[in-house]
């Protein structure tokens, strides 16, 4: 079984990654819009 975090919050992604709890990240335009940040900037941070 694999676990994925579904968020646009880069800090949440980093924290989960540091704990070794997730195998990957999923997100969508709605989650990014709720963050109030630029879509492309968030994606760049997530894939970095």
PDB file of N, CA and C in Angstrom:
ATOM      1  N   UNK A   1       0.839  -1.161   0.000  1.00  0.00           N
ATOM      2  CA  UNK A   1       0.000   0.000   0.000  1.00  0.00           C
ATOM      3  C   UNK A   1       0.895   1.238   0.000  1.00  0.00           C
ATOM      4  N   UNK A   2       0.490   2.243  -0.763  1.00  0.00           N
ATOM      5  CA  UNK A   2       1.222   3.506  -0.805  1.00  0.00           C
ATOM      6  C   UNK A   2       0.339   4.613  -0.253  1.00  0.00           C
ATOM      7  N   UNK A   3       0.981   5.587   0.379  1.00  0.00           N
ATOM      8  CA  UNK A   3       0.265   6.718   0.953  1.00  0.00           C
ATOM      9  C   UNK A   3       0.686   8.007   0.257  1.00  0.00           C
ATOM     10  N   UNK A   4      -0.312   8.801  -0.093  1.00  0.00           N
ATOM     11  CA  UNK A   4      -0.086  10.077  -0.753  1.00  0.00           C
ATOM     12  C   UNK A   4      -0.723  11.184   0.075  1.00  0.00           C
ATOM     13  N   UNK A   5      -0.057  12.332   0.142  1.00  0.00           N
ATOM     14  CA  UNK A   5      -0.622  13.489   0.821  1.00  0.00           C
ATOM     15  C   UNK A   5      -1.304  14.349  -0.240  1.00  0.00           C
ATOM     16  N   UNK A   6      -2.510  14.784   0.036  1.00  0.00           N
ATOM     17  CA  UNK A   6      -3.301  15.575  -0.910  1.00  0.00           C
ATOM     18  C   UNK A   6      -3.413  16.994  -0.373  1.00  0.00           C
ATOM     19  N   UNK A   7      -2.507  17.861  -0.826  1.00  0.00           N
ATOM     20  CA  UNK A   7      -2.443  19.227  -0.316  1.00  0.00           C
ATOM     21  C   UNK A   7      -1.701  20.118  -1.296  1.00  0.00           C
ATOM     22  N   UNK A   8      -1.823  21.421  -1.092  1.00  0.00           N
ATOM     23  CA  UNK A   8      -1.025  22.394  -1.831  1.00  0.00           C
ATOM     24  C   UNK A   8      -0.110  23.149  -0.871  1.00  0.00           C
ATOM     25  N   UNK A   9      -0.097  22.730   0.386  1.00  0.00           N
ATOM     26  CA  UNK A   9       0.708  23.380   1.415  1.00  0.00           C
ATOM     27  C   UNK A   9       2.107  22.765   1.415  1.00  0.00           C
ATOM     28  N   UNK A  10       3.061  23.539   0.933  1.00  0.00           N
ATOM     29  CA  UNK A  10       4.429  23.040   0.785  1.00  0.00           C
ATOM     30  C   UNK A  10       5.033  22.666   2.141  1.00  0.00           C
ATOM     31  N   UNK A  11       4.666  23.383   3.192  1.00  0.00           N
ATOM     32  CA  UNK A  11       5.174  23.056   4.532  1.00  0.00           C
ATOM     33  C   UNK A  11       4.646  21.706   5.003  1.00  0.00           C
ATOM     34  N   UNK A  12       3.377  21.420   4.726  1.00  0.00           N
ATOM     35  CA  UNK A  12       2.811  20.114   5.088  1.00  0.00           C
ATOM     36  C   UNK A  12       3.514  18.997   4.324  1.00  0.00           C
ATOM     37  N   UNK A  13       3.782  19.242   3.058  1.00  0.00           N
ATOM     38  CA  UNK A  13       4.461  18.248   2.226  1.00  0.00           C
ATOM     39  C   UNK A  13       5.856  17.968   2.785  1.00  0.00           C
ATOM     40  N   UNK A  14       6.584  19.027   3.116  1.00  0.00           N
ATOM     41  CA  UNK A  14       7.940  18.866   3.649  1.00  0.00           C
ATOM     42  C   UNK A  14       7.924  18.113   4.976  1.00  0.00           C
ATOM     43  N   UNK A  15       6.980  18.446   5.846  1.00  0.00           N
ATOM     44  CA  UNK A  15       6.900  17.784   7.150  1.00  0.00           C
ATOM     45  C   UNK A  15       6.605  16.299   6.995  1.00  0.00           C
ATOM     46  N   UNK A  16       5.656  15.958   6.142  1.00  0.00           N
ATOM     47  CA  UNK A  16       5.321  14.549   5.920  1.00  0.00           C
ATOM     48  C   UNK A  16       6.499  13.812   5.296  1.00  0.00           C
ATOM     49  N   UNK A  17       7.189  14.474   4.389  1.00  0.00           N
ATOM     50  CA  UNK A  17       8.342  13.861   3.734  1.00  0.00           C
ATOM     51  C   UNK A  17       9.465  13.598   4.738  1.00  0.00           C
ATOM     52  N   UNK A  18       9.705  14.549   5.637  1.00  0.00           N
ATOM     53  CA  UNK A  18      10.748  14.371   6.654  1.00  0.00           C
ATOM     54  C   UNK A  18      10.450  13.186   7.567  1.00  0.00           C
ATOM     55  N   UNK A  19       9.176  12.943   7.824  1.00  0.00           N
ATOM     56  CA  UNK A  19       8.788  11.821   8.680  1.00  0.00           C
ATOM     57  C   UNK A  19       8.786  10.490   7.934  1.00  0.00           C
ATOM     58  N   UNK A  20       8.895  10.559   6.605  1.00  0.00           N
ATOM     59  CA  UNK A  20       8.887   9.347   5.802  1.00  0.00           C
ATOM     60  C   UNK A  20       7.522   8.682   5.726  1.00  0.00           C
ATOM     61  N   UNK A  21       6.473   9.487   5.871  1.00  0.00           N
ATOM     62  CA  UNK A  21       5.121   8.930   5.915  1.00  0.00           C
ATOM     63  C   UNK A  21       4.442   8.792   4.559  1.00  0.00           C
ATOM     64  N   UNK A  22       4.953   9.465   3.542  1.00  0.00           N
ATOM     65  CA  UNK A  22       4.237   9.483   2.266  1.00  0.00           C
ATOM     66  C   UNK A  22       5.115   8.996   1.124  1.00  0.00           C
ATOM     67  N   UNK A  23       4.436   8.463   0.113  1.00  0.00           N
ATOM     68  CA  UNK A  23       5.122   8.008  -1.092  1.00  0.00           C
ATOM     69  C   UNK A  23       5.038   9.028  -2.216  1.00  0.00           C
ATOM     70  N   UNK A  24       4.147  10.003  -2.066  1.00  0.00           N
ATOM     71  CA  UNK A  24       3.992  11.003  -3.105  1.00  0.00           C
ATOM     72  C   UNK A  24       2.989  12.069  -2.710  1.00  0.00           C
ATOM     73  N   UNK A  25       2.771  12.994  -3.649  1.00  0.00           N
ATOM     74  CA  UNK A  25       1.896  14.138  -3.418  1.00  0.00           C
ATOM     75  C   UNK A  25       0.871  14.220  -4.533  1.00  0.00           C
ATOM     76  N   UNK A  26      -0.358  14.527  -4.142  1.00  0.00           N
ATOM     77  CA  UNK A  26      -1.381  14.872  -5.126  1.00  0.00           C
ATOM     78  C   UNK A  26      -1.921  16.240  -4.745  1.00  0.00           C
ATOM     79  N   UNK A  27      -2.375  16.973  -5.733  1.00  0.00           N
ATOM     80  CA  UNK A  27      -3.005  18.265  -5.497  1.00  0.00           C
ATOM     81  C   UNK A  27      -3.928  18.550  -6.659  1.00  0.00           C
ATOM     82  N   UNK A  28      -4.624  19.654  -6.597  1.00  0.00           N
ATOM     83  CA  UNK A  28      -5.506  20.044  -7.695  1.00  0.00           C
ATOM     84  C   UNK A  28      -5.665  21.554  -7.676  1.00  0.00           C
ATOM     85  N   UNK A  29      -6.201  22.124  -8.748  1.00  0.00           N
ATOM     86  CA  UNK A  29      -6.339  23.582  -8.816  1.00  0.00           C
ATOM     87  C   UNK A  29      -7.154  24.182  -7.667  1.00  0.00           C
ATOM     88  N   UNK A  30      -8.148  23.465  -7.175  1.00  0.00           N
ATOM     89  CA  UNK A  30      -8.960  23.991  -6.065  1.00  0.00           C
ATOM     90  C   UNK A  30      -8.129  24.157  -4.798  1.00  0.00           C
ATOM     91  N   UNK A  31      -7.300  23.176  -4.489  1.00  0.00           N
ATOM     92  CA  UNK A  31      -6.451  23.272  -3.300  1.00  0.00           C
ATOM     93  C   UNK A  31      -5.443  24.410  -3.436  1.00  0.00           C
ATOM     94  N   UNK A  32      -4.893  24.577  -4.620  1.00  0.00           N
ATOM     95  CA  UNK A  32      -3.930  25.656  -4.836  1.00  0.00           C
ATOM     96  C   UNK A  32      -4.626  27.007  -4.744  1.00  0.00           C
ATOM     97  N   UNK A  33      -5.827  27.128  -5.295  1.00  0.00           N
ATOM     98  CA  UNK A  33      -6.585  28.384  -5.212  1.00  0.00           C
ATOM     99  C   UNK A  33      -6.877  28.747  -3.761  1.00  0.00           C
ATOM    100  N   UNK A  34      -7.209  27.758  -2.939  1.00  0.00           N
ATOM    101  CA  UNK A  34      -7.487  28.011  -1.518  1.00  0.00           C
ATOM    102  C   UNK A  34      -6.252  28.526  -0.782  1.00  0.00           C
ATOM    103  N   UNK A  35      -5.075  28.201  -1.285  1.00  0.00           N
ATOM    104  CA  UNK A  35      -3.852  28.664  -0.639  1.00  0.00           C
ATOM    105  C   UNK A  35      -3.627  30.151  -0.874  1.00  0.00           C
ATOM    106  N   UNK A  36      -4.278  30.713  -1.902  1.00  0.00           N
ATOM    107  CA  UNK A  36      -4.119  32.129  -2.208  1.00  0.00           C
ATOM    108  C   UNK A  36      -2.815  32.465  -2.903  1.00  0.00           C
ATOM    109  N   UNK A  37      -2.101  31.464  -3.331  1.00  0.00           N
ATOM    110  CA  UNK A  37      -0.801  31.667  -3.974  1.00  0.00           C
ATOM    111  C   UNK A  37      -0.900  31.428  -5.467  1.00  0.00           C
ATOM    112  N   UNK A  38       0.110  31.877  -6.193  1.00  0.00           N
ATOM    113  CA  UNK A  38       0.163  31.692  -7.637  1.00  0.00           C
ATOM    114  C   UNK A  38       0.302  30.206  -7.971  1.00  0.00           C
ATOM    115  N   UNK A  39      -0.536  29.743  -8.887  1.00  0.00           N
ATOM    116  CA  UNK A  39      -0.591  28.334  -9.276  1.00  0.00           C
ATOM    117  C   UNK A  39       0.782  27.806  -9.674  1.00  0.00           C
ATOM    118  N   UNK A  40       1.448  28.499 -10.577  1.00  0.00           N
ATOM    119  CA  UNK A  40       2.727  28.005 -11.091  1.00  0.00           C
ATOM    120  C   UNK A  40       3.831  28.030 -10.032  1.00  0.00           C
ATOM    121  N   UNK A  41       3.807  29.032  -9.163  1.00  0.00           N
ATOM    122  CA  UNK A  41       4.810  29.094  -8.099  1.00  0.00           C
ATOM    123  C   UNK A  41       4.668  27.917  -7.136  1.00  0.00           C
ATOM    124  N   UNK A  42       3.426  27.584  -6.787  1.00  0.00           N
ATOM    125  CA  UNK A  42       3.199  26.446  -5.891  1.00  0.00           C
ATOM    126  C   UNK A  42       3.689  25.156  -6.542  1.00  0.00           C
ATOM    127  N   UNK A  43       3.353  24.965  -7.803  1.00  0.00           N
ATOM    128  CA  UNK A  43       3.797  23.746  -8.493  1.00  0.00           C
ATOM    129  C   UNK A  43       5.318  23.657  -8.544  1.00  0.00           C
ATOM    130  N   UNK A  44       5.978  24.780  -8.804  1.00  0.00           N
ATOM    131  CA  UNK A  44       7.447  24.784  -8.833  1.00  0.00           C
ATOM    132  C   UNK A  44       8.026  24.352  -7.486  1.00  0.00           C
ATOM    133  N   UNK A  45       7.421  24.836  -6.397  1.00  0.00           N
ATOM    134  CA  UNK A  45       7.907  24.464  -5.066  1.00  0.00           C
ATOM    135  C   UNK A  45       7.659  22.991  -4.769  1.00  0.00           C
ATOM    136  N   UNK A  46       6.500  22.489  -5.184  1.00  0.00           N
ATOM    137  CA  UNK A  46       6.171  21.088  -4.913  1.00  0.00           C
ATOM    138  C   UNK A  46       7.125  20.144  -5.640  1.00  0.00           C
ATOM    139  N   UNK A  47       7.453  20.457  -6.886  1.00  0.00           N
ATOM    140  CA  UNK A  47       8.299  19.535  -7.651  1.00  0.00           C
ATOM    141  C   UNK A  47       9.790  19.738  -7.393  1.00  0.00           C
ATOM    142  N   UNK A  48      10.142  20.777  -6.633  1.00  0.00           N
ATOM    143  CA  UNK A  48      11.565  21.054  -6.363  1.00  0.00           C
ATOM    144  C   UNK A  48      12.151  20.035  -5.404  1.00  0.00           C
TER     145      UNK A  48
END
